[in-house]
Amino acid sequence: MGSFRQDKINEETARELTEILRTVKDPRIGSAFVSVTGCEVTRDLSYAKVYYSVLGEDAGVAEGLKSASGYIRRELAARLNLRLTPKLIFVPDHSAEKALHISEMLKNITYSEEDGNDRT
């Protein structure tokens, strides 16, 4: 379980990264709707796992993020008041896709009269 300070750093980093991603000029990122779903910064501030999801086509987003990571990290350093700026590790977050898939599966379940409520 993270400390309050660690949680605040994670939240603030995720919030700032969301803003920074809107300023990235790389067309692989700009053409897709990329959102930061979470961030886990190590205690020593050396690394940050940045979880992101892409709405729509995600062709090249991972490569675009890797390519722009220097710019993103510099922007993050300018915005956050931390003694170190973590190296960024971008991790795709597919939980929204999985949730949508499960929701679709649940919608397609049909119950027959025999199923009813009498489960014994």
Protein backbone atom coordinates (compact mmCIF):
# COMPACT_ATOMS: atom_id res chain seq x y z
CA MET A 1 0.00 0.00 0.00
CA GLY A 2 1.40 3.37 -1.00
CA SER A 3 1.86 6.28 1.32
CA PHE A 4 -0.20 9.45 0.99
CA ARG A 5 2.80 11.30 -0.47
CA GLN A 6 3.40 8.55 -3.02
CA ASP A 7 -0.26 8.57 -4.04
CA LYS A 8 -0.13 12.35 -4.51
CA ILE A 9 2.99 12.06 -6.68
CA ASN A 10 1.30 9.37 -8.80
CA GLU A 11 -1.86 11.46 -9.23
CA GLU A 12 0.00 14.67 -10.01
CA THR A 13 2.29 12.92 -12.50
CA ALA A 14 -0.70 11.34 -14.28
CA ARG A 15 -2.53 14.69 -14.39
CA GLU A 16 0.48 16.54 -15.81
CA LEU A 17 1.19 13.80 -18.35
CA THR A 18 -2.41 14.03 -19.58
CA GLU A 19 -1.87 17.75 -20.25
CA ILE A 20 1.57 17.22 -21.81
CA LEU A 21 0.32 14.54 -24.22
CA ARG A 22 -2.05 17.12 -25.73
CA THR A 23 0.97 19.22 -26.74
CA VAL A 24 2.97 16.42 -28.42
CA LYS A 25 3.36 17.14 -32.13
CA ASP A 26 4.01 13.53 -33.19
CA PRO A 27 1.17 12.55 -35.58
CA ARG A 28 1.13 9.00 -34.17
CA ILE A 29 -0.02 10.48 -30.86
CA GLY A 30 -1.94 13.49 -32.14
CA SER A 31 -4.15 11.48 -34.50
CA ALA A 32 -5.23 9.07 -31.74
CA PHE A 33 -7.07 9.92 -28.55
CA VAL A 34 -4.52 8.87 -25.93
CA SER A 35 -5.45 9.11 -22.27
CA VAL A 36 -3.37 8.43 -19.18
CA THR A 37 -5.26 5.93 -17.01
CA GLY A 38 -2.74 5.76 -14.18
CA CYS A 39 0.81 6.25 -13.09
CA GLU A 40 3.08 4.43 -10.65
CA VAL A 41 6.22 6.31 -9.67
CA THR A 42 8.89 4.34 -7.80
CA ARG A 43 9.74 5.51 -4.29
CA ASP A 44 13.16 6.75 -5.37
CA LEU A 45 11.57 8.67 -8.28
CA SER A 46 13.78 6.92 -10.82
CA TYR A 47 10.99 5.36 -12.92
CA ALA A 48 7.34 5.96 -13.64
CA LYS A 49 5.08 3.37 -15.23
CA VAL A 50 2.56 5.33 -17.24
CA TYR A 51 -0.58 3.38 -18.10
CA TYR A 52 -2.40 4.70 -21.16
CA SER A 53 -5.37 3.76 -23.30
CA VAL A 54 -6.14 4.66 -26.87
CA LEU A 55 -9.61 5.35 -28.18
CA GLY A 56 -9.85 4.22 -31.78
CA GLU A 57 -6.93 3.12 -33.94
CA ASP A 58 -3.69 2.83 -31.97
CA ALA A 59 -1.34 2.29 -34.89
CA GLY A 60 2.06 3.55 -33.88
CA VAL A 61 1.04 5.14 -30.57
CA ALA A 62 3.55 3.09 -28.54
CA GLU A 63 6.36 4.07 -30.92
CA GLY A 64 5.23 7.70 -30.87
CA LEU A 65 5.27 7.78 -27.05
CA LYS A 66 8.72 6.21 -26.96
CA SER A 67 9.99 8.68 -29.54
CA ALA A 68 8.51 11.68 -27.68
CA SER A 69 9.52 10.49 -24.20
CA GLY A 70 12.46 12.95 -24.00
CA TYR A 71 10.18 15.91 -24.71
CA ILE A 72 7.49 14.56 -22.35
CA ARG A 73 10.03 14.07 -19.57
CA ARG A 74 11.45 17.61 -19.99
CA GLU A 75 7.95 19.06 -19.82
CA LEU A 76 7.20 16.97 -16.76
CA ALA A 77 10.38 18.22 -15.06
CA ALA A 78 9.32 21.82 -15.70
CA ARG A 79 5.85 21.25 -14.24
CA LEU A 80 6.54 19.03 -11.22
CA ASN A 81 8.47 20.18 -8.20
CA LEU A 82 10.43 16.96 -7.62
CA ARG A 83 14.14 16.56 -6.97
CA LEU A 84 14.33 13.95 -9.76
CA THR A 85 12.26 13.45 -12.88
CA PRO A 86 11.48 9.77 -13.41
CA LYS A 87 12.27 7.89 -16.60
CA LEU A 88 8.96 7.09 -18.28
CA ILE A 89 7.86 3.57 -19.12
CA PHE A 90 4.65 3.56 -21.17
CA VAL A 91 2.37 0.56 -20.63
CA PRO A 92 -0.81 0.05 -22.67
CA ASP A 93 -3.92 -0.32 -20.51
CA HIS A 94 -6.51 -2.54 -22.16
CA SER A 95 -8.93 -2.62 -19.21
CA ALA A 96 -11.47 -0.36 -20.98
CA GLU A 97 -11.49 -2.68 -24.01
CA LYS A 98 -11.90 -5.71 -21.76
CA ALA A 99 -14.77 -4.04 -19.88
CA LEU A 100 -16.51 -3.21 -23.16
CA HIS A 101 -16.05 -6.79 -24.37
CA ILE A 102 -17.48 -8.21 -21.13
CA SER A 103 -20.38 -5.78 -21.32
CA GLU A 104 -21.15 -6.92 -24.87
CA MET A 105 -20.97 -10.56 -23.80
CA LEU A 106 -23.36 -9.91 -20.92
CA LYS A 107 -25.81 -8.13 -23.25
CA ASN A 108 -25.86 -11.20 -25.49
CA ILE A 109 -26.83 -13.61 -22.73
CA THR A 110 -30.42 -14.71 -23.01
CA TYR A 111 -32.33 -16.50 -20.30
CA SER A 112 -34.95 -19.09 -21.05
CA GLU A 113 -38.13 -19.52 -19.03
CA GLU A 114 -36.67 -22.74 -17.62
CA ASP A 115 -33.80 -20.84 -15.97
CA GLY A 116 -36.18 -18.65 -13.98
CA ASN A 117 -35.36 -17.80 -10.38
CA ASP A 118 -35.49 -21.25 -8.84
CA ARG A 119 -31.79 -21.92 -8.37
CA THR A 120 -31.24 -24.71 -5.92
